[in-house]
C-alpha atoms as a PDB file:
ATOM      1  CA  MET A   1      12.887  65.745  34.113  1.00  0.00           C
ATOM      2  CA  GLY A   2      13.091  68.105  37.038  1.00  0.00           C
ATOM      3  CA  MET A   3      10.979  70.558  35.074  1.00  0.00           C
ATOM      4  CA  ILE A   4       8.018  67.640  33.994  1.00  0.00           C
ATOM      5  CA  ARG A   5       8.108  67.158  37.761  1.00  0.00           C
ATOM      6  CA  TYR A   6       7.738  70.495  38.761  1.00  0.00           C
ATOM      7  CA  LEU A   7       4.738  71.446  36.231  1.00  0.00           C
ATOM      8  CA  GLU A   8       2.744  68.359  37.264  1.00  0.00           C
ATOM      9  CA  THR A   9       2.965  69.678  40.777  1.00  0.00           C
ATOM     10  CA  MET A  10       1.612  72.974  40.481  1.00  0.00           C
ATOM     11  CA  SER A  11      -0.960  73.998  42.925  1.00  0.00           C
ATOM     12  CA  TYR A  12      -3.454  76.714  44.258  1.00  0.00           C
ATOM     13  CA  ILE A  13      -3.958  75.702  47.639  1.00  0.00           C
ATOM     14  CA  LEU A  14      -6.233  77.546  49.756  1.00  0.00           C
ATOM     15  CA  GLN A  15      -5.191  77.617  53.198  1.00  0.00           C
ATOM     16  CA  ILE A  16      -7.564  78.393  56.123  1.00  0.00           C
ATOM     17  CA  GLU A  17      -5.981  79.558  59.794  1.00  0.00           C
ATOM     18  CA  THR A  18      -8.945  80.163  62.562  1.00  0.00           C
ATOM     19  CA  ALA A  19      -7.789  77.986  65.873  1.00  0.00           C
ATOM     20  CA  THR A  20      -7.316  81.042  67.899  1.00  0.00           C
ATOM     21  CA  THR A  21      -8.554  84.850  67.769  1.00  0.00           C
ATOM     22  CA  ILE A  22      -7.266  85.574  64.456  1.00  0.00           C
ATOM     23  CA  CYS A  23      -9.051  84.673  61.430  1.00  0.00           C
ATOM     24  CA  SER A  24      -6.691  84.228  58.324  1.00  0.00           C
ATOM     25  CA  VAL A  25      -7.154  83.065  54.855  1.00  0.00           C
ATOM     26  CA  ALA A  26      -3.969  82.525  52.722  1.00  0.00           C
ATOM     27  CA  LEU A  27      -4.009  81.382  48.738  1.00  0.00           C
ATOM     28  CA  ALA A  28      -0.474  79.796  47.871  1.00  0.00           C
ATOM     29  CA  LYS A  29       0.935  78.674  44.454  1.00  0.00           C
ATOM     30  CA  ASP A  30       3.334  75.990  44.348  1.00  0.00           C
ATOM     31  CA  GLY A  31       4.510  76.689  48.063  1.00  0.00           C
ATOM     32  CA  ASN A  32       4.368  80.092  47.816  1.00  0.00           C
ATOM     33  CA  VAL A  33       1.838  82.951  49.271  1.00  0.00           C
ATOM     34  CA  LEU A  34      -0.091  84.713  46.729  1.00  0.00           C
ATOM     35  CA  ALA A  35      -2.220  87.065  49.196  1.00  0.00           C
ATOM     36  CA  PHE A  36      -3.467  86.705  52.414  1.00  0.00           C
ATOM     37  CA  LYS A  37      -5.986  88.534  55.018  1.00  0.00           C
ATOM     38  CA  GLN A  38      -6.544  88.055  58.319  1.00  0.00           C
ATOM     39  CA  LEU A  39      -7.935  89.980  61.320  1.00  0.00           C
ATOM     40  CA  ASP A  40      -7.560  89.666  64.678  1.00  0.00           C
ATOM     41  CA  GLU A  41     -10.516  90.073  66.684  1.00  0.00           C
ATOM     42  CA  ARG A  42     -12.614  87.639  68.997  1.00  0.00           C
ATOM     43  CA  ASN A  43     -15.472  86.213  67.681  1.00  0.00           C
ATOM     44  CA  ILE A  44     -15.728  87.431  64.124  1.00  0.00           C
ATOM     45  CA  HIS A  45     -14.340  84.283  62.190  1.00  0.00           C
ATOM     46  CA  ALA A  46     -18.204  83.048  60.905  1.00  0.00           C
ATOM     47  CA  GLU A  47     -18.740  86.473  59.568  1.00  0.00           C
ATOM     48  CA  ILE A  48     -15.453  87.537  57.510  1.00  0.00           C
ATOM     49  CA  ILE A  49     -14.016  84.343  56.532  1.00  0.00           C
ATOM     50  CA  THR A  50     -16.068  83.695  53.436  1.00  0.00           C
ATOM     51  CA  LEU A  51     -15.841  86.970  52.352  1.00  0.00           C
ATOM     52  CA  PHE A  52     -11.906  86.796  52.596  1.00  0.00           C
ATOM     53  CA  ILE A  53     -11.822  83.920  50.529  1.00  0.00           C
ATOM     54  CA  GLU A  54     -13.942  85.033  47.843  1.00  0.00           C
ATOM     55  CA  GLU A  55     -11.463  88.358  47.957  1.00  0.00           C
ATOM     56  CA  LEU A  56      -8.181  86.173  47.655  1.00  0.00           C
ATOM     57  CA  ILE A  57     -10.004  84.444  44.415  1.00  0.00           C
ATOM     58  CA  LYS A  58     -11.359  87.570  42.616  1.00  0.00           C
ATOM     59  CA  GLY A  59      -8.001  89.015  43.488  1.00  0.00           C
ATOM     60  CA  ALA A  60      -5.711  86.472  41.897  1.00  0.00           C
ATOM     61  CA  ALA A  61      -8.067  86.405  39.102  1.00  0.00           C
ATOM     62  CA  ILE A  62      -8.990  82.607  39.222  1.00  0.00           C
ATOM     63  CA  GLN A  63     -12.140  80.512  39.539  1.00  0.00           C
ATOM     64  CA  PHE A  64     -12.914  78.533  42.814  1.00  0.00           C
ATOM     65  CA  ASN A  65     -12.890  75.383  40.720  1.00  0.00           C
ATOM     66  CA  ASP A  66      -8.898  76.093  39.696  1.00  0.00           C
ATOM     67  CA  LEU A  67      -8.080  75.418  43.256  1.00  0.00           C
ATOM     68  CA  ASP A  68      -6.536  72.278  43.736  1.00  0.00           C
ATOM     69  CA  ALA A  69      -6.724  71.705  47.377  1.00  0.00           C
ATOM     70  CA  ILE A  70      -7.756  73.003  50.541  1.00  0.00           C
ATOM     71  CA  ALA A  71      -5.404  73.046  53.727  1.00  0.00           C
ATOM     72  CA  VAL A  72      -6.536  73.548  57.182  1.00  0.00           C
ATOM     73  CA  SER A  73      -4.979  74.314  60.708  1.00  0.00           C
ATOM     74  CA  CYS A  74      -6.895  71.754  62.887  1.00  0.00           C
ATOM     75  CA  GLY A  75      -6.300  72.049  66.207  1.00  0.00           C
ATOM     76  CA  PRO A  76      -6.468  72.482  69.186  1.00  0.00           C
ATOM     77  CA  GLY A  77      -7.299  75.286  69.824  1.00  0.00           C
ATOM     78  CA  SER A  78     -10.507  77.348  70.090  1.00  0.00           C
ATOM     79  CA  TYR A  79     -13.405  74.987  69.786  1.00  0.00           C
ATOM     80  CA  THR A  80     -15.771  77.683  68.107  1.00  0.00           C
ATOM     81  CA  GLY A  81     -12.933  78.517  65.422  1.00  0.00           C
ATOM     82  CA  LEU A  82     -11.614  75.122  64.650  1.00  0.00           C
ATOM     83  CA  ARG A  83     -15.129  74.069  64.231  1.00  0.00           C
ATOM     84  CA  ILE A  84     -15.682  77.159  61.670  1.00  0.00           C
ATOM     85  CA  GLY A  85     -12.287  76.693  59.737  1.00  0.00           C
ATOM     86  CA  VAL A  86     -13.025  73.046  59.597  1.00  0.00           C
ATOM     87  CA  SER A  87     -16.451  73.066  58.085  1.00  0.00           C
ATOM     88  CA  THR A  88     -16.041  76.037  55.884  1.00  0.00           C
ATOM     89  CA  ALA A  89     -12.749  73.806  54.478  1.00  0.00           C
ATOM     90  CA  LYS A  90     -14.817  70.888  54.297  1.00  0.00           C
ATOM     91  CA  GLY A  91     -17.714  72.730  52.690  1.00  0.00           C
ATOM     92  CA  LEU A  92     -15.431  74.264  50.011  1.00  0.00           C
ATOM     93  CA  CYS A  93     -14.074  70.331  49.519  1.00  0.00           C
ATOM     94  CA  PHE A  94     -17.625  69.017  48.731  1.00  0.00           C
ATOM     95  CA  ALA A  95     -18.637  71.678  46.990  1.00  0.00           C
ATOM     96  CA  LEU A  96     -15.314  71.746  44.403  1.00  0.00           C
ATOM     97  CA  ASP A  97     -14.389  68.078  44.775  1.00  0.00           C
ATOM     98  CA  LYS A  98     -11.111  69.163  46.115  1.00  0.00           C
ATOM     99  CA  PRO A  99      -9.094  67.331  48.825  1.00  0.00           C
ATOM    100  CA  LEU A 100      -8.528  68.488  52.354  1.00  0.00           C
ATOM    101  CA  ILE A 101      -5.015  68.735  53.595  1.00  0.00           C
ATOM    102  CA  ALA A 102      -4.860  69.132  57.790  1.00  0.00           C
ATOM    103  CA  ILE A 103      -2.238  70.919  59.349  1.00  0.00           C
ATOM    104  CA  GLU A 104      -1.771  70.730  62.953  1.00  0.00           C
ATOM    105  CA  THR A 105      -1.551  74.346  64.861  1.00  0.00           C
ATOM    106  CA  LEU A 106       0.663  74.072  66.474  1.00  0.00           C
ATOM    107  CA  GLU A 107       3.108  72.260  64.007  1.00  0.00           C
ATOM    108  CA  ALA A 108       2.254  75.392  61.637  1.00  0.00           C
ATOM    109  CA  MET A 109       3.157  77.974  64.044  1.00  0.00           C
ATOM    110  CA  ALA A 110       6.632  76.057  64.714  1.00  0.00           C
ATOM    111  CA  TYR A 111       7.217  76.035  60.656  1.00  0.00           C
ATOM    112  CA  GLY A 112       6.287  79.919  60.825  1.00  0.00           C
ATOM    113  CA  VAL A 113       9.308  80.634  63.365  1.00  0.00           C
ATOM    114  CA  ILE A 114      11.427  78.001  61.439  1.00  0.00           C
ATOM    115  CA  ASN A 115      10.805  79.831  58.065  1.00  0.00           C
ATOM    116  CA  GLN A 116      12.349  83.371  59.434  1.00  0.00           C
ATOM    117  CA  GLY A 117      15.765  81.610  59.472  1.00  0.00           C
ATOM    118  CA  VAL A 118      16.971  83.273  62.525  1.00  0.00           C
ATOM    119  CA  TYR A 119      17.325  80.814  64.916  1.00  0.00           C
ATOM    120  CA  LYS A 120      20.146  77.922  65.376  1.00  0.00           C
ATOM    121  CA  ASP A 121      20.754  75.704  67.871  1.00  0.00           C
ATOM    122  CA  ILE A 122      16.982  75.828  70.140  1.00  0.00           C
ATOM    123  CA  LEU A 123      14.096  73.904  70.940  1.00  0.00           C
ATOM    124  CA  LEU A 124      10.594  75.648  69.713  1.00  0.00           C
ATOM    125  CA  CYS A 125       7.722  75.741  71.943  1.00  0.00           C
ATOM    126  CA  PRO A 126       4.166  77.259  70.491  1.00  0.00           C
ATOM    127  CA  MET A 127       1.742  77.765  73.226  1.00  0.00           C
ATOM    128  CA  ILE A 128      -2.114  78.568  72.730  1.00  0.00           C
ATOM    129  CA  ASP A 129      -3.593  79.697  75.313  1.00  0.00           C
ATOM    130  CA  ALA A 130      -6.527  77.793  77.208  1.00  0.00           C
ATOM    131  CA  ARG A 131      -7.417  78.968  80.516  1.00  0.00           C
ATOM    132  CA  ARG A 132      -6.143  80.307  83.643  1.00  0.00           C
ATOM    133  CA  MET A 133      -2.332  78.951  83.760  1.00  0.00           C
ATOM    134  CA  GLU A 134      -3.191  76.161  81.197  1.00  0.00           C
ATOM    135  CA  VAL A 135      -1.891  76.001  77.603  1.00  0.00           C
ATOM    136  CA  TYR A 136      -1.838  73.557  74.392  1.00  0.00           C
ATOM    137  CA  THR A 137       1.667  73.046  73.353  1.00  0.00           C
ATOM    138  CA  ALA A 138       4.496  70.868  71.977  1.00  0.00           C
ATOM    139  CA  LEU A 139       8.068  70.951  71.565  1.00  0.00           C
ATOM    140  CA  PHE A 140      10.026  71.102  68.084  1.00  0.00           C
ATOM    141  CA  ASP A 141      13.568  70.771  66.775  1.00  0.00           C
ATOM    142  CA  ILE A 142      14.573  73.621  64.502  1.00  0.00           C
ATOM    143  CA  ALA A 143      13.921  71.075  61.402  1.00  0.00           C
ATOM    144  CA  GLY A 144      10.265  70.979  62.273  1.00  0.00           C
ATOM    145  CA  ASN A 145      10.490  67.288  64.275  1.00  0.00           C
ATOM    146  CA  LYS A 146       8.283  66.942  66.963  1.00  0.00           C
ATOM    147  CA  ILE A 147      10.307  65.887  69.955  1.00  0.00           C
ATOM    148  CA  GLU A 148       7.132  66.022  72.577  1.00  0.00           C
ATOM    149  CA  GLU A 149       3.656  65.422  71.813  1.00  0.00           C
ATOM    150  CA  VAL A 150       0.698  67.871  71.608  1.00  0.00           C
ATOM    151  CA  THR A 151      -0.412  68.106  75.386  1.00  0.00           C
ATOM    152  CA  ALA A 152      -2.478  70.395  77.345  1.00  0.00           C
ATOM    153  CA  LYS A 153      -0.047  71.661  80.318  1.00  0.00           C
ATOM    154  CA  ILE A 154      -0.673  73.298  83.107  1.00  0.00           C
ATOM    155  CA  ILE A 155       2.192  75.765  84.017  1.00  0.00           C
ATOM    156  CA  ASP A 156       4.469  76.212  86.864  1.00  0.00           C
ATOM    157  CA  GLU A 157       7.759  76.614  87.957  1.00  0.00           C
ATOM    158  CA  GLU A 158       8.831  72.496  87.037  1.00  0.00           C
ATOM    159  CA  SER A 159       7.395  72.715  83.289  1.00  0.00           C
ATOM    160  CA  PHE A 160       9.894  72.139  80.823  1.00  0.00           C
ATOM    161  CA  HIS A 161      12.305  71.848  84.437  1.00  0.00           C
ATOM    162  CA  ASN A 162      14.244  68.793  82.310  1.00  0.00           C
ATOM    163  CA  GLN A 163      14.859  70.261  78.977  1.00  0.00           C
ATOM    164  CA  LEU A 164      15.426  73.879  80.215  1.00  0.00           C
ATOM    165  CA  GLN A 165      18.700  71.901  81.855  1.00  0.00           C
ATOM    166  CA  SER A 166      20.338  71.355  78.457  1.00  0.00           C
ATOM    167  CA  ASN A 167      18.392  73.423  75.690  1.00  0.00           C
ATOM    168  CA  LYS A 168      17.402  76.827  75.173  1.00  0.00           C
ATOM    169  CA  ILE A 169      13.658  76.835  74.485  1.00  0.00           C
ATOM    170  CA  LEU A 170      11.965  79.620  72.496  1.00  0.00           C
ATOM    171  CA  PHE A 171       8.189  80.278  73.781  1.00  0.00           C
ATOM    172  CA  PHE A 172       5.780  81.778  71.704  1.00  0.00           C
ATOM    173  CA  GLY A 173       2.069  82.252  70.654  1.00  0.00           C
ATOM    174  CA  ASP A 174      -0.977  83.651  72.483  1.00  0.00           C
ATOM    175  CA  GLY A 175      -0.303  81.283  75.622  1.00  0.00           C
ATOM    176  CA  ALA A 176       3.124  82.096  76.018  1.00  0.00           C
ATOM    177  CA  GLU A 177       3.042  85.498  77.419  1.00  0.00           C
ATOM    178  CA  LYS A 178       1.367  84.365  80.625  1.00  0.00           C
ATOM    179  CA  CYS A 179       4.050  82.180  81.565  1.00  0.00           C
ATOM    180  CA  ARG A 180       6.764  84.310  81.191  1.00  0.00           C
ATOM    181  CA  ALA A 181       6.906  85.536  85.040  1.00  0.00           C
ATOM    182  CA  VAL A 182       6.771  81.673  85.619  1.00  0.00           C
ATOM    183  CA  LEU A 183       9.513  80.589  83.602  1.00  0.00           C
ATOM    184  CA  GLY A 184      11.396  83.886  82.699  1.00  0.00           C
ATOM    185  CA  GLU A 185      13.880  83.743  85.110  1.00  0.00           C
ATOM    186  CA  ASN A 186      15.754  80.901  83.565  1.00  0.00           C
ATOM    187  CA  PRO A 187      18.278  81.795  81.402  1.00  0.00           C
ATOM    188  CA  ASN A 188      17.795  79.178  78.675  1.00  0.00           C
ATOM    189  CA  ALA A 189      13.496  80.479  78.206  1.00  0.00           C
ATOM    190  CA  LEU A 190      13.069  82.520  75.265  1.00  0.00           C
ATOM    191  CA  PHE A 191      10.227  84.488  75.022  1.00  0.00           C
ATOM    192  CA  LEU A 192       9.027  85.619  71.299  1.00  0.00           C
ATOM    193  CA  SER A 193       6.610  88.423  71.585  1.00  0.00           C
ATOM    194  CA  GLY A 194       4.060  89.494  68.998  1.00  0.00           C
ATOM    195  CA  PHE A 195       4.219  86.045  67.363  1.00  0.00           C
ATOM    196  CA  ALA A 196       0.675  85.907  65.206  1.00  0.00           C
ATOM    197  CA  ASN A 197      -1.317  82.320  64.185  1.00  0.00           C
ATOM    198  CA  SER A 198      -0.997  82.949  59.948  1.00  0.00           C
ATOM    199  CA  ALA A 199      -2.449  80.934  57.404  1.00  0.00           C
ATOM    200  CA  ASN A 200       0.940  81.979  55.963  1.00  0.00           C
ATOM    201  CA  TYR A 201       2.692  79.260  58.300  1.00  0.00           C
ATOM    202  CA  LEU A 202       0.391  76.422  56.578  1.00  0.00           C
ATOM    203  CA  THR A 203       2.127  76.506  53.112  1.00  0.00           C
ATOM    204  CA  GLN A 204       5.640  74.524  53.209  1.00  0.00           C
ATOM    205  CA  ARG A 205       3.418  71.700  54.936  1.00  0.00           C
ATOM    206  CA  ALA A 206       0.528  72.074  53.195  1.00  0.00           C
ATOM    207  CA  PHE A 207       2.617  71.919  49.594  1.00  0.00           C
ATOM    208  CA  GLU A 208       4.257  68.892  51.176  1.00  0.00           C
ATOM    209  CA  LYS A 209       1.473  66.963  51.545  1.00  0.00           C
ATOM    210  CA  PHE A 210      -0.248  67.652  48.689  1.00  0.00           C
ATOM    211  CA  ILE A 211       2.534  66.448  46.422  1.00  0.00           C
ATOM    212  CA  LYS A 212       2.619  63.037  48.544  1.00  0.00           C
ATOM    213  CA  ASN A 213      -1.270  62.704  48.353  1.00  0.00           C
ATOM    214  CA  ASP A 214      -1.728  63.376  51.997  1.00  0.00           C
ATOM    215  CA  PHE A 215      -4.975  63.739  52.510  1.00  0.00           C
ATOM    216  CA  GLU A 216      -8.198  63.804  54.997  1.00  0.00           C
ATOM    217  CA  ASP A 217     -10.960  61.703  54.595  1.00  0.00           C
ATOM    218  CA  VAL A 218     -13.542  64.605  53.889  1.00  0.00           C
ATOM    219  CA  ALA A 219     -16.502  63.224  55.316  1.00  0.00           C
ATOM    220  CA  TYR A 220     -14.932  62.001  58.572  1.00  0.00           C
ATOM    221  CA  PHE A 221     -12.368  64.609  59.193  1.00  0.00           C
ATOM    222  CA  GLU A 222     -13.195  66.453  62.735  1.00  0.00           C
ATOM    223  CA  PRO A 223     -10.740  69.068  64.459  1.00  0.00           C
ATOM    224  CA  TYR A 224      -8.178  68.217  66.976  1.00  0.00           C
ATOM    225  CA  TYR A 225      -9.635  69.952  69.335  1.00  0.00           C
ATOM    226  CA  LEU A 226      -7.851  67.971  72.554  1.00  0.00           C
ATOM    227  CA  LYS A 227     -10.741  68.259  75.359  1.00  0.00           C
ATOM    228  CA  ASP A 228     -13.725  67.558  74.852  1.00  0.00           C
ATOM    229  CA  PHE A 229     -15.392  69.798  77.398  1.00  0.00           C
ATOM    230  CA  ILE A 230     -14.027  72.830  75.495  1.00  0.00           C
ATOM    231  CA  ALA A 231     -17.244  72.921  73.813  1.00  0.00           C
ATOM    232  CA  GLY A 232     -19.274  73.733  76.556  1.00  0.00           C
ATOM    233  CA  LYS A 233     -16.775  76.663  77.403  1.00  0.00           C
ATOM    234  CA  LYS A 234     -17.800  80.290  76.254  1.00  0.00           C
ATOM    235  CA  ASN A 235     -15.469  82.492  74.928  1.00  0.00           C
ATOM    236  CA  THR A 236     -12.677  80.175  73.448  1.00  0.00           C
END
């Protein structure tokens, strides 16, 4: 019975991550990444995302119609990056008549750390750079449960004061480094350098949602911009 159920859930999921300066695309089968391509360069997403997708499909020796779903990192993050990623995902869903899976960007980042299997008894604080000392952030436990909702937070000496009194917190993402000078003196504040957003990190949650048929309404789905005025800012 278990084998039959597994065969019923075999899937190719194309995964798109464009919420930050990194443009990343991955192809996963049955919850395992087959291949991925990514590039960290500002304002390059629109030029390379379709090329990356085509290269992954060709490299896997499958057709676009073989895809079972499209998963996209839906924000918060860069207005322009999110718009490009979600528009691409929705376009593929419409053209191929495939379901759309949305994964919150900060949640995907948390799973990127969780799946390293290195950390225990720690809270995870993914951070996406907004502007000046502001970040988009949330708190997760090591099992991936969200314990503090997504918010736009201006970092100062009082940030995470209560949580840091009784918990070690790992800060990571492109918004974390600018917080090190403010929070780094606290022995419970740990910083993971070099963390880069990746479409690979969507894999676990995308597969779980696929199995549960937890899909978005393609016609009406919009990215999670968090703050509307970001649309009017350049270089986001």
